[in-house]
PDB file of N, CA and C in Angstrom:
ATOM      1  N   MET A   1      14.301 -24.154 -33.901  1.00  0.00           N
ATOM      2  CA  MET A   1      14.848 -23.026 -33.465  1.00  0.00           C
ATOM      3  C   MET A   1      16.334 -23.676 -33.007  1.00  0.00           C
ATOM      4  N   ALA A   2      17.380 -22.508 -33.148  1.00  0.00           N
ATOM      5  CA  ALA A   2      18.665 -22.574 -32.830  1.00  0.00           C
ATOM      6  C   ALA A   2      18.706 -22.212 -31.469  1.00  0.00           C
ATOM      7  N   SER A   3      19.535 -22.725 -30.731  1.00  0.00           N
ATOM      8  CA  SER A   3      19.696 -22.354 -29.185  1.00  0.00           C
ATOM      9  C   SER A   3      20.418 -20.801 -29.203  1.00  0.00           C
ATOM     10  N   SER A   4      20.798 -20.394 -30.311  1.00  0.00           N
ATOM     11  CA  SER A   4      21.547 -19.179 -29.916  1.00  0.00           C
ATOM     12  C   SER A   4      20.378 -18.289 -29.966  1.00  0.00           C
ATOM     13  N   GLU A   5      19.225 -18.379 -30.578  1.00  0.00           N
ATOM     14  CA  GLU A   5      18.011 -17.444 -30.510  1.00  0.00           C
ATOM     15  C   GLU A   5      17.541 -17.037 -29.021  1.00  0.00           C
ATOM     16  N   TRP A   6      17.731 -18.019 -28.339  1.00  0.00           N
ATOM     17  CA  TRP A   6      17.408 -17.858 -26.795  1.00  0.00           C
ATOM     18  C   TRP A   6      18.187 -17.323 -26.136  1.00  0.00           C
ATOM     19  N   SER A   7      19.323 -17.050 -26.565  1.00  0.00           N
ATOM     20  CA  SER A   7      20.775 -16.722 -25.619  1.00  0.00           C
ATOM     21  C   SER A   7      20.646 -15.006 -25.749  1.00  0.00           C
ATOM     22  N   GLU A   8      20.014 -14.449 -26.574  1.00  0.00           N
ATOM     23  CA  GLU A   8      20.114 -12.905 -26.913  1.00  0.00           C
ATOM     24  C   GLU A   8      19.397 -12.282 -25.627  1.00  0.00           C
ATOM     25  N   PRO A   9      19.840 -11.361 -24.910  1.00  0.00           N
ATOM     26  CA  PRO A   9      19.265 -10.601 -23.956  1.00  0.00           C
ATOM     27  C   PRO A   9      18.092  -9.906 -24.658  1.00  0.00           C
ATOM     28  N   LEU A  10      17.251  -9.707 -23.539  1.00  0.00           N
ATOM     29  CA  LEU A  10      16.199  -8.869 -23.810  1.00  0.00           C
ATOM     30  C   LEU A  10      16.586  -7.414 -23.746  1.00  0.00           C
ATOM     31  N   PRO A  11      15.437  -6.533 -24.473  1.00  0.00           N
ATOM     32  CA  PRO A  11      15.874  -5.297 -24.545  1.00  0.00           C
ATOM     33  C   PRO A  11      15.304  -4.693 -23.128  1.00  0.00           C
ATOM     34  N   ALA A  12      15.912  -3.574 -22.814  1.00  0.00           N
ATOM     35  CA  ALA A  12      15.613  -2.594 -21.795  1.00  0.00           C
ATOM     36  C   ALA A  12      14.300  -2.266 -21.875  1.00  0.00           C
ATOM     37  N   PRO A  13      13.567  -2.055 -21.056  1.00  0.00           N
ATOM     38  CA  PRO A  13      12.361  -1.419 -21.051  1.00  0.00           C
ATOM     39  C   PRO A  13      12.285   0.080 -21.219  1.00  0.00           C
ATOM     40  N   THR A  14      11.689   0.806 -22.329  1.00  0.00           N
ATOM     41  CA  THR A  14      11.869   2.064 -22.618  1.00  0.00           C
ATOM     42  C   THR A  14      11.014   3.040 -21.902  1.00  0.00           C
ATOM     43  N   GLU A  15       9.769   2.373 -21.672  1.00  0.00           N
ATOM     44  CA  GLU A  15       8.513   3.189 -20.625  1.00  0.00           C
ATOM     45  C   GLU A  15       8.775   2.862 -19.243  1.00  0.00           C
ATOM     46  N   SER A  16       8.617   3.995 -18.710  1.00  0.00           N
ATOM     47  CA  SER A  16       8.610   3.903 -17.038  1.00  0.00           C
ATOM     48  C   SER A  16       7.209   4.657 -16.603  1.00  0.00           C
ATOM     49  N   LEU A  17       7.020   4.553 -15.588  1.00  0.00           N
ATOM     50  CA  LEU A  17       5.755   5.265 -14.732  1.00  0.00           C
ATOM     51  C   LEU A  17       6.307   6.866 -15.020  1.00  0.00           C
ATOM     52  N   PRO A  18       5.250   7.571 -15.195  1.00  0.00           N
ATOM     53  CA  PRO A  18       5.768   9.103 -15.098  1.00  0.00           C
ATOM     54  C   PRO A  18       6.003   9.684 -13.948  1.00  0.00           C
ATOM     55  N   SER A  19       6.793  10.258 -13.889  1.00  0.00           N
ATOM     56  CA  SER A  19       7.351  10.904 -12.319  1.00  0.00           C
ATOM     57  C   SER A  19       6.215  11.798 -11.982  1.00  0.00           C
ATOM     58  N   LEU A  20       5.778  11.718 -10.919  1.00  0.00           N
ATOM     59  CA  LEU A  20       4.527  12.535 -10.310  1.00  0.00           C
ATOM     60  C   LEU A  20       5.218  13.438  -9.095  1.00  0.00           C
ATOM     61  N   PRO A  21       4.948  14.572  -8.979  1.00  0.00           N
ATOM     62  CA  PRO A  21       5.477  15.333  -7.681  1.00  0.00           C
ATOM     63  C   PRO A  21       4.827  14.855  -6.355  1.00  0.00           C
ATOM     64  N   PRO A  22       5.597  14.960  -5.373  1.00  0.00           N
ATOM     65  CA  PRO A  22       4.997  14.346  -4.092  1.00  0.00           C
ATOM     66  C   PRO A  22       3.955  15.203  -3.593  1.00  0.00           C
ATOM     67  N   ALA A  23       2.855  14.603  -3.143  1.00  0.00           N
ATOM     68  CA  ALA A  23       1.698  15.166  -2.299  1.00  0.00           C
ATOM     69  C   ALA A  23       2.188  15.956  -1.193  1.00  0.00           C
ATOM     70  N   SER A  24       1.565  17.047  -0.995  1.00  0.00           N
ATOM     71  CA  SER A  24       1.935  17.697   0.107  1.00  0.00           C
ATOM     72  C   SER A  24       1.556  16.688   1.475  1.00  0.00           C
ATOM     73  N   PRO A  25       2.403  16.782   2.705  1.00  0.00           N
ATOM     74  CA  PRO A  25       2.293  16.177   3.741  1.00  0.00           C
ATOM     75  C   PRO A  25       0.907  15.835   4.268  1.00  0.00           C
ATOM     76  N   ASP A  26       0.228  16.810   3.848  1.00  0.00           N
ATOM     77  CA  ASP A  26      -1.543  17.008   4.775  1.00  0.00           C
ATOM     78  C   ASP A  26      -2.586  16.841   3.619  1.00  0.00           C
ATOM     79  N   TRP A  27      -1.822  16.139   2.165  1.00  0.00           N
ATOM     80  CA  TRP A  27      -2.798  16.067   1.311  1.00  0.00           C
ATOM     81  C   TRP A  27      -3.763  14.783   1.745  1.00  0.00           C
ATOM     82  N   LEU A  28      -3.525  13.789   2.291  1.00  0.00           N
ATOM     83  CA  LEU A  28      -4.171  12.593   2.953  1.00  0.00           C
ATOM     84  C   LEU A  28      -5.512  13.141   3.853  1.00  0.00           C
ATOM     85  N   SER A  29      -5.473  14.416   4.374  1.00  0.00           N
ATOM     86  CA  SER A  29      -6.541  15.011   5.148  1.00  0.00           C
ATOM     87  C   SER A  29      -7.483  15.676   4.518  1.00  0.00           C
ATOM     88  N   THR A  30      -7.271  16.039   3.247  1.00  0.00           N
ATOM     89  CA  THR A  30      -8.127  16.663   2.292  1.00  0.00           C
ATOM     90  C   THR A  30      -9.144  15.998   1.847  1.00  0.00           C
ATOM     91  N   PRO A  31     -10.580  16.262   1.636  1.00  0.00           N
ATOM     92  CA  PRO A  31     -11.352  15.594   1.163  1.00  0.00           C
ATOM     93  C   PRO A  31     -11.182  14.662   0.351  1.00  0.00           C
ATOM     94  N   GLN A  32     -10.483  14.932  -0.999  1.00  0.00           N
ATOM     95  CA  GLN A  32      -9.862  14.043  -2.198  1.00  0.00           C
ATOM     96  C   GLN A  32      -9.134  13.145  -1.706  1.00  0.00           C
ATOM     97  N   GLY A  33      -8.152  13.322  -0.521  1.00  0.00           N
ATOM     98  CA  GLY A  33      -7.056  12.386  -0.319  1.00  0.00           C
ATOM     99  C   GLY A  33      -7.829  11.375   0.837  1.00  0.00           C
ATOM    100  N   GLU A  34      -8.529  11.807   1.593  1.00  0.00           N
ATOM    101  CA  GLU A  34      -9.321  10.937   2.256  1.00  0.00           C
ATOM    102  C   GLU A  34     -10.330   9.615   1.441  1.00  0.00           C
ATOM    103  N   LEU A  35     -10.836  10.648   0.287  1.00  0.00           N
ATOM    104  CA  LEU A  35     -11.640   9.452  -0.687  1.00  0.00           C
ATOM    105  C   LEU A  35     -10.790   8.256  -1.010  1.00  0.00           C
ATOM    106  N   SER A  36      -9.617   8.818  -1.838  1.00  0.00           N
ATOM    107  CA  SER A  36      -8.609   7.986  -2.283  1.00  0.00           C
ATOM    108  C   SER A  36      -8.185   7.218  -1.404  1.00  0.00           C
ATOM    109  N   PHE A  37      -7.941   7.363  -0.089  1.00  0.00           N
ATOM    110  CA  PHE A  37      -7.158   6.659   1.094  1.00  0.00           C
ATOM    111  C   PHE A  37      -8.440   5.737   1.334  1.00  0.00           C
ATOM    112  N   PHE A  38      -9.456   5.968   1.422  1.00  0.00           N
ATOM    113  CA  PHE A  38     -10.462   4.988   1.834  1.00  0.00           C
ATOM    114  C   PHE A  38     -11.088   4.080   0.971  1.00  0.00           C
ATOM    115  N   ARG A  39     -10.885   4.692  -0.270  1.00  0.00           N
ATOM    116  CA  ARG A  39     -11.479   3.773  -1.545  1.00  0.00           C
ATOM    117  C   ARG A  39     -10.278   2.629  -1.527  1.00  0.00           C
ATOM    118  N   SER A  40      -9.129   3.047  -1.467  1.00  0.00           N
ATOM    119  CA  SER A  40      -8.001   2.021  -1.498  1.00  0.00           C
ATOM    120  C   SER A  40      -8.056   0.958  -0.428  1.00  0.00           C
ATOM    121  N   ILE A  41      -8.449   1.523   0.758  1.00  0.00           N
ATOM    122  CA  ILE A  41      -8.083   0.211   1.754  1.00  0.00           C
ATOM    123  C   ILE A  41      -9.525  -0.399   1.923  1.00  0.00           C
ATOM    124  N   VAL A  42     -10.307  -0.203   1.340  1.00  0.00           N
ATOM    125  CA  VAL A  42     -11.437  -1.307   1.279  1.00  0.00           C
ATOM    126  C   VAL A  42     -10.901  -2.563   0.496  1.00  0.00           C
ATOM    127  N   CYS A  43     -10.046  -2.060  -0.479  1.00  0.00           N
ATOM    128  CA  CYS A  43      -9.425  -3.218  -1.305  1.00  0.00           C
ATOM    129  C   CYS A  43      -8.469  -4.009  -0.831  1.00  0.00           C
ATOM    130  N   HIS A  44      -7.652  -3.319  -0.087  1.00  0.00           N
ATOM    131  CA  HIS A  44      -6.486  -3.647   0.411  1.00  0.00           C
ATOM    132  C   HIS A  44      -6.496  -3.315   1.850  1.00  0.00           C
ATOM    133  N   ARG A  45      -6.768  -4.493   2.767  1.00  0.00           N
ATOM    134  CA  ARG A  45      -6.832  -4.347   4.024  1.00  0.00           C
ATOM    135  C   ARG A  45      -5.236  -4.438   4.620  1.00  0.00           C
ATOM    136  N   LEU A  46      -5.036  -3.096   5.535  1.00  0.00           N
ATOM    137  CA  LEU A  46      -3.887  -3.316   6.238  1.00  0.00           C
ATOM    138  C   LEU A  46      -3.568  -3.895   7.533  1.00  0.00           C
ATOM    139  N   VAL A  47      -3.947  -5.497   7.534  1.00  0.00           N
ATOM    140  CA  VAL A  47      -3.960  -5.928   8.819  1.00  0.00           C
ATOM    141  C   VAL A  47      -3.315  -7.361   8.240  1.00  0.00           C
ATOM    142  N   GLY A  48      -2.537  -8.143   9.478  1.00  0.00           N
ATOM    143  CA  GLY A  48      -2.142  -9.544   9.027  1.00  0.00           C
ATOM    144  C   GLY A  48      -0.949  -9.470   8.395  1.00  0.00           C
ATOM    145  N   PRO A  49      -0.187 -10.362   8.309  1.00  0.00           N
ATOM    146  CA  PRO A  49       1.231 -10.641   7.845  1.00  0.00           C
ATOM    147  C   PRO A  49       1.428  -9.736   6.463  1.00  0.00           C
ATOM    148  N   GLU A  50       0.373  -9.791   5.627  1.00  0.00           N
ATOM    149  CA  GLU A  50       0.693  -9.221   4.395  1.00  0.00           C
ATOM    150  C   GLU A  50       0.428  -7.830   4.328  1.00  0.00           C
ATOM    151  N   LYS A  51       0.417  -7.264   5.315  1.00  0.00           N
ATOM    152  CA  LYS A  51      -0.359  -5.561   5.684  1.00  0.00           C
ATOM    153  C   LYS A  51       1.102  -4.610   4.785  1.00  0.00           C
ATOM    154  N   HIS A  52       2.102  -5.093   4.910  1.00  0.00           N
ATOM    155  CA  HIS A  52       3.246  -4.231   4.493  1.00  0.00           C
ATOM    156  C   HIS A  52       3.386  -4.654   2.697  1.00  0.00           C
ATOM    157  N   PHE A  53       2.859  -5.533   2.236  1.00  0.00           N
ATOM    158  CA  PHE A  53       2.547  -5.451   0.590  1.00  0.00           C
ATOM    159  C   PHE A  53       1.496  -4.696   0.252  1.00  0.00           C
ATOM    160  N   HIS A  54       0.418  -5.109   1.237  1.00  0.00           N
ATOM    161  CA  HIS A  54      -1.009  -4.286   0.844  1.00  0.00           C
ATOM    162  C   HIS A  54      -0.783  -2.766   0.950  1.00  0.00           C
ATOM    163  N   VAL A  55       0.444  -2.143   1.517  1.00  0.00           N
ATOM    164  CA  VAL A  55       0.429  -0.737   1.820  1.00  0.00           C
ATOM    165  C   VAL A  55       1.108  -0.232   0.366  1.00  0.00           C
ATOM    166  N   LEU A  56       1.703  -0.992  -0.407  1.00  0.00           N
ATOM    167  CA  LEU A  56       2.569  -0.850  -1.290  1.00  0.00           C
ATOM    168  C   LEU A  56       1.245  -0.442  -2.525  1.00  0.00           C
ATOM    169  N   ALA A  57       0.403  -1.571  -2.298  1.00  0.00           N
ATOM    170  CA  ALA A  57      -1.001  -1.415  -3.325  1.00  0.00           C
ATOM    171  C   ALA A  57      -1.773  -0.243  -2.848  1.00  0.00           C
ATOM    172  N   VAL A  58      -1.975   0.194  -1.875  1.00  0.00           N
ATOM    173  CA  VAL A  58      -2.533   1.268  -1.475  1.00  0.00           C
ATOM    174  C   VAL A  58      -1.919   2.839  -2.081  1.00  0.00           C
ATOM    175  N   VAL A  59      -0.562   2.560  -1.749  1.00  0.00           N
ATOM    176  CA  VAL A  59       0.135   3.605  -2.513  1.00  0.00           C
ATOM    177  C   VAL A  59      -0.094   3.793  -4.071  1.00  0.00           C
ATOM    178  N   GLN A  60      -0.034   2.443  -4.631  1.00  0.00           N
ATOM    179  CA  GLN A  60      -0.312   2.605  -6.186  1.00  0.00           C
ATOM    180  C   GLN A  60      -1.824   3.114  -6.503  1.00  0.00           C
ATOM    181  N   ASP A  61      -2.521   2.457  -5.813  1.00  0.00           N
ATOM    182  CA  ASP A  61      -4.078   2.943  -6.177  1.00  0.00           C
ATOM    183  C   ASP A  61      -4.308   4.529  -5.683  1.00  0.00           C
ATOM    184  N   ILE A  62      -3.655   5.109  -4.638  1.00  0.00           N
ATOM    185  CA  ILE A  62      -3.884   6.386  -4.593  1.00  0.00           C
ATOM    186  C   ILE A  62      -3.261   7.048  -5.884  1.00  0.00           C
ATOM    187  N   ARG A  63      -2.224   6.854  -6.320  1.00  0.00           N
ATOM    188  CA  ARG A  63      -1.455   7.316  -7.572  1.00  0.00           C
ATOM    189  C   ARG A  63      -2.219   7.048  -8.828  1.00  0.00           C
ATOM    190  N   ASN A  64      -2.868   6.165  -8.935  1.00  0.00           N
ATOM    191  CA  ASN A  64      -3.635   5.556 -10.074  1.00  0.00           C
ATOM    192  C   ASN A  64      -5.136   6.489 -10.169  1.00  0.00           C
ATOM    193  N   HIS A  65      -5.619   6.425  -9.054  1.00  0.00           N
ATOM    194  CA  HIS A  65      -7.005   7.275  -9.070  1.00  0.00           C
ATOM    195  C   HIS A  65      -6.715   8.858  -8.761  1.00  0.00           C
ATOM    196  N   SER A  66      -6.025   9.433  -7.949  1.00  0.00           N
ATOM    197  CA  SER A  66      -5.771  10.350  -7.815  1.00  0.00           C
ATOM    198  C   SER A  66      -4.535  11.327  -8.407  1.00  0.00           C
ATOM    199  N   GLY A  67      -3.707  10.707  -9.151  1.00  0.00           N
ATOM    200  CA  GLY A  67      -2.793  11.263  -9.900  1.00  0.00           C
ATOM    201  C   GLY A  67      -1.775  12.092  -8.820  1.00  0.00           C
ATOM    202  N   LYS A  68      -1.846  11.608  -7.342  1.00  0.00           N
ATOM    203  CA  LYS A  68      -0.803  12.156  -6.383  1.00  0.00           C
ATOM    204  C   LYS A  68       0.108  10.962  -6.067  1.00  0.00           C
ATOM    205  N   SER A  69       1.215  11.672  -5.470  1.00  0.00           N
ATOM    206  CA  SER A  69       2.248  10.538  -5.298  1.00  0.00           C
ATOM    207  C   SER A  69       2.302  10.586  -3.726  1.00  0.00           C
ATOM    208  N   VAL A  70       1.681   9.695  -2.758  1.00  0.00           N
ATOM    209  CA  VAL A  70       2.191   9.652  -1.512  1.00  0.00           C
ATOM    210  C   VAL A  70       3.095   8.720  -1.353  1.00  0.00           C
ATOM    211  N   ASP A  71       3.834   8.661   0.047  1.00  0.00           N
ATOM    212  CA  ASP A  71       4.900   7.496   0.130  1.00  0.00           C
ATOM    213  C   ASP A  71       3.872   6.682   1.462  1.00  0.00           C
ATOM    214  N   VAL A  72       4.776   5.399   1.658  1.00  0.00           N
ATOM    215  CA  VAL A  72       4.294   4.700   2.609  1.00  0.00           C
ATOM    216  C   VAL A  72       3.912   5.222   4.332  1.00  0.00           C
ATOM    217  N   ASP A  73       4.934   6.283   4.301  1.00  0.00           N
ATOM    218  CA  ASP A  73       4.622   6.650   5.833  1.00  0.00           C
ATOM    219  C   ASP A  73       3.711   7.338   6.004  1.00  0.00           C
ATOM    220  N   GLN A  74       3.058   8.319   4.799  1.00  0.00           N
ATOM    221  CA  GLN A  74       1.896   8.762   5.027  1.00  0.00           C
ATOM    222  C   GLN A  74       0.689   8.057   4.972  1.00  0.00           C
ATOM    223  N   VAL A  75       0.716   6.976   4.140  1.00  0.00           N
ATOM    224  CA  VAL A  75      -0.267   6.169   4.411  1.00  0.00           C
ATOM    225  C   VAL A  75      -0.546   5.521   5.633  1.00  0.00           C
ATOM    226  N   TRP A  76       0.669   5.050   6.582  1.00  0.00           N
ATOM    227  CA  TRP A  76       0.875   4.642   7.631  1.00  0.00           C
ATOM    228  C   TRP A  76       0.389   5.558   8.793  1.00  0.00           C
ATOM    229  N   GLU A  77       0.695   6.589   8.548  1.00  0.00           N
ATOM    230  CA  GLU A  77       0.406   7.791   9.496  1.00  0.00           C
ATOM    231  C   GLU A  77      -1.160   8.207   9.557  1.00  0.00           C
ATOM    232  N   LYS A  78      -1.650   8.120   8.324  1.00  0.00           N
ATOM    233  CA  LYS A  78      -3.310   8.176   7.959  1.00  0.00           C
ATOM    234  C   LYS A  78      -3.963   7.071   8.679  1.00  0.00           C
ATOM    235  N   TYR A  79      -3.441   5.904   8.498  1.00  0.00           N
ATOM    236  CA  TYR A  79      -4.025   4.809   8.737  1.00  0.00           C
ATOM    237  C   TYR A  79      -4.088   4.604  10.362  1.00  0.00           C
ATOM    238  N   ARG A  80      -3.158   5.143  11.032  1.00  0.00           N
ATOM    239  CA  ARG A  80      -3.173   5.059  12.884  1.00  0.00           C
ATOM    240  C   ARG A  80      -3.904   6.250  13.090  1.00  0.00           C
ATOM    241  N   GLU A  81      -4.002   7.229  12.322  1.00  0.00           N
ATOM    242  CA  GLU A  81      -4.795   8.640  13.098  1.00  0.00           C
ATOM    243  C   GLU A  81      -6.320   8.040  12.793  1.00  0.00           C
ATOM    244  N   VAL A  82      -6.899   7.225  11.901  1.00  0.00           N
ATOM    245  CA  VAL A  82      -8.304   7.031  11.868  1.00  0.00           C
ATOM    246  C   VAL A  82      -8.717   5.443  12.465  1.00  0.00           C
ATOM    247  N   TYR A  83      -7.652   4.866  12.499  1.00  0.00           N
ATOM    248  CA  TYR A  83      -8.012   3.362  13.164  1.00  0.00           C
ATOM    249  C   TYR A  83      -6.680   3.191  14.071  1.00  0.00           C
ATOM    250  N   ASP A  84      -7.528   2.258  15.252  1.00  0.00           N
ATOM    251  CA  ASP A  84      -6.819   1.656  16.396  1.00  0.00           C
ATOM    252  C   ASP A  84      -6.070   0.242  15.824  1.00  0.00           C
ATOM    253  N   GLU A  85      -4.774   0.462  15.566  1.00  0.00           N
ATOM    254  CA  GLU A  85      -4.131  -0.803  14.723  1.00  0.00           C
ATOM    255  C   GLU A  85      -3.905  -1.952  15.611  1.00  0.00           C
ATOM    256  N   LYS A  86      -3.969  -1.664  16.960  1.00  0.00           N
ATOM    257  CA  LYS A  86      -3.801  -3.034  17.881  1.00  0.00           C
ATOM    258  C   LYS A  86      -5.230  -3.775  17.781  1.00  0.00           C
ATOM    259  N   VAL A  87      -6.347  -3.045  17.976  1.00  0.00           N
ATOM    260  CA  VAL A  87      -7.592  -3.669  18.165  1.00  0.00           C
ATOM    261  C   VAL A  87      -7.871  -4.481  16.832  1.00  0.00           C
ATOM    262  N   LEU A  88      -7.551  -3.761  15.462  1.00  0.00           N
ATOM    263  CA  LEU A  88      -7.815  -4.442  14.104  1.00  0.00           C
ATOM    264  C   LEU A  88      -7.093  -5.512  13.947  1.00  0.00           C
ATOM    265  N   GLU A  89      -5.637  -5.631  14.449  1.00  0.00           N
ATOM    266  CA  GLU A  89      -4.782  -6.866  14.437  1.00  0.00           C
ATOM    267  C   GLU A  89      -5.300  -7.872  15.137  1.00  0.00           C
ATOM    268  N   THR A  90      -5.965  -7.451  16.440  1.00  0.00           N
ATOM    269  CA  THR A  90      -6.206  -8.442  17.542  1.00  0.00           C
ATOM    270  C   THR A  90      -7.665  -9.324  16.712  1.00  0.00           C
ATOM    271  N   THR A  91      -8.379  -8.389  16.320  1.00  0.00           N
ATOM    272  CA  THR A  91      -9.697  -8.712  15.778  1.00  0.00           C
ATOM    273  C   THR A  91      -9.268  -9.732  14.479  1.00  0.00           C
ATOM    274  N   TRP A  92      -8.578  -9.208  13.625  1.00  0.00           N
ATOM    275  CA  TRP A  92      -8.097 -10.384  12.591  1.00  0.00           C
ATOM    276  C   TRP A  92      -7.680 -11.384  13.094  1.00  0.00           C
ATOM    277  N   ALA A  93      -6.695 -11.551  13.983  1.00  0.00           N
ATOM    278  CA  ALA A  93      -6.191 -12.925  14.548  1.00  0.00           C
ATOM    279  C   ALA A  93      -7.087 -13.581  15.204  1.00  0.00           C
ATOM    280  N   GLU A  94      -8.291 -13.205  15.758  1.00  0.00           N
ATOM    281  CA  GLU A  94      -9.488 -13.886  16.277  1.00  0.00           C
ATOM    282  C   GLU A  94     -10.086 -14.299  15.242  1.00  0.00           C
ATOM    283  N   GLN A  95     -10.341 -13.724  14.313  1.00  0.00           N
ATOM    284  CA  GLN A  95     -11.049 -14.354  12.968  1.00  0.00           C
ATOM    285  C   GLN A  95     -10.433 -15.628  12.274  1.00  0.00           C
ATOM    286  N   VAL A  96      -9.045 -15.386  12.314  1.00  0.00           N
ATOM    287  CA  VAL A  96      -8.169 -16.415  11.470  1.00  0.00           C
ATOM    288  C   VAL A  96      -7.507 -17.634  12.753  1.00  0.00           C
ATOM    289  N   GLY A  97      -7.889 -17.415  13.907  1.00  0.00           N
ATOM    290  CA  GLY A  97      -7.742 -18.345  14.967  1.00  0.00           C
ATOM    291  C   GLY A  97      -6.305 -18.444  15.295  1.00  0.00           C
ATOM    292  N   LEU A  98      -5.671 -17.051  15.178  1.00  0.00           N
ATOM    293  CA  LEU A  98      -4.339 -17.157  15.702  1.00  0.00           C
ATOM    294  C   LEU A  98      -4.376 -16.377  17.050  1.00  0.00           C
ATOM    295  N   SER A  99      -3.070 -16.654  17.893  1.00  0.00           N
ATOM    296  CA  SER A  99      -2.953 -15.761  19.194  1.00  0.00           C
ATOM    297  C   SER A  99      -2.023 -14.826  18.918  1.00  0.00           C
ATOM    298  N   LEU A 100      -2.116 -13.618  19.221  1.00  0.00           N
ATOM    299  CA  LEU A 100      -0.973 -12.562  19.126  1.00  0.00           C
ATOM    300  C   LEU A 100      -0.503 -12.412  20.389  1.00  0.00           C
ATOM    301  N   SER A 101       1.096 -12.194  20.574  1.00  0.00           N
ATOM    302  CA  SER A 101       1.505 -11.701  21.801  1.00  0.00           C
ATOM    303  C   SER A 101       0.803 -10.082  22.130  1.00  0.00           C
ATOM    304  N   SER A 102       0.387  -9.720  23.400  1.00  0.00           N
ATOM    305  CA  SER A 102      -0.232  -8.675  23.359  1.00  0.00           C
ATOM    306  C   SER A 102       0.770  -7.387  23.275  1.00  0.00           C
ATOM    307  N   ASP A 103       2.180  -7.681  23.342  1.00  0.00           N
ATOM    308  CA  ASP A 103       3.077  -6.281  23.149  1.00  0.00           C
ATOM    309  C   ASP A 103       3.710  -6.328  21.942  1.00  0.00           C
ATOM    310  N   ARG A 104       3.214  -7.127  20.791  1.00  0.00           N
ATOM    311  CA  ARG A 104       4.136  -6.951  19.432  1.00  0.00           C
ATOM    312  C   ARG A 104       3.061  -6.930  18.530  1.00  0.00           C
ATOM    313  N   ILE A 105       3.040  -5.687  17.808  1.00  0.00           N
ATOM    314  CA  ILE A 105       2.299  -5.566  16.452  1.00  0.00           C
ATOM    315  C   ILE A 105       3.254  -4.985  15.274  1.00  0.00           C
ATOM    316  N   ASP A 106       3.694  -5.817  14.435  1.00  0.00           N
ATOM    317  CA  ASP A 106       4.500  -5.459  13.413  1.00  0.00           C
ATOM    318  C   ASP A 106       3.774  -4.247  12.420  1.00  0.00           C
TER     319      ASP A 106
END
């Protein structure tokens, strides 16, 4: 193969995810919203240093399973409504053998 074949640019993607209207701010408090939320956080635990990446997976899971578009802030708000984040972070740190500063939770 000639080297010129490899220098050609790749075509731009023609398909993108369909745009979904944003869910109402209280949608995660509805039965369907809570089911989607809890189903997703079973697979994507929002603790530890990777929690900010996992929240993106939660948003994507909710989108895939419910057809609703929620934003990261809505997910964090719901998460903090139903869980004590500091206790979960401390428990996670104990399980992996880390010590966390008592005044800092990212």
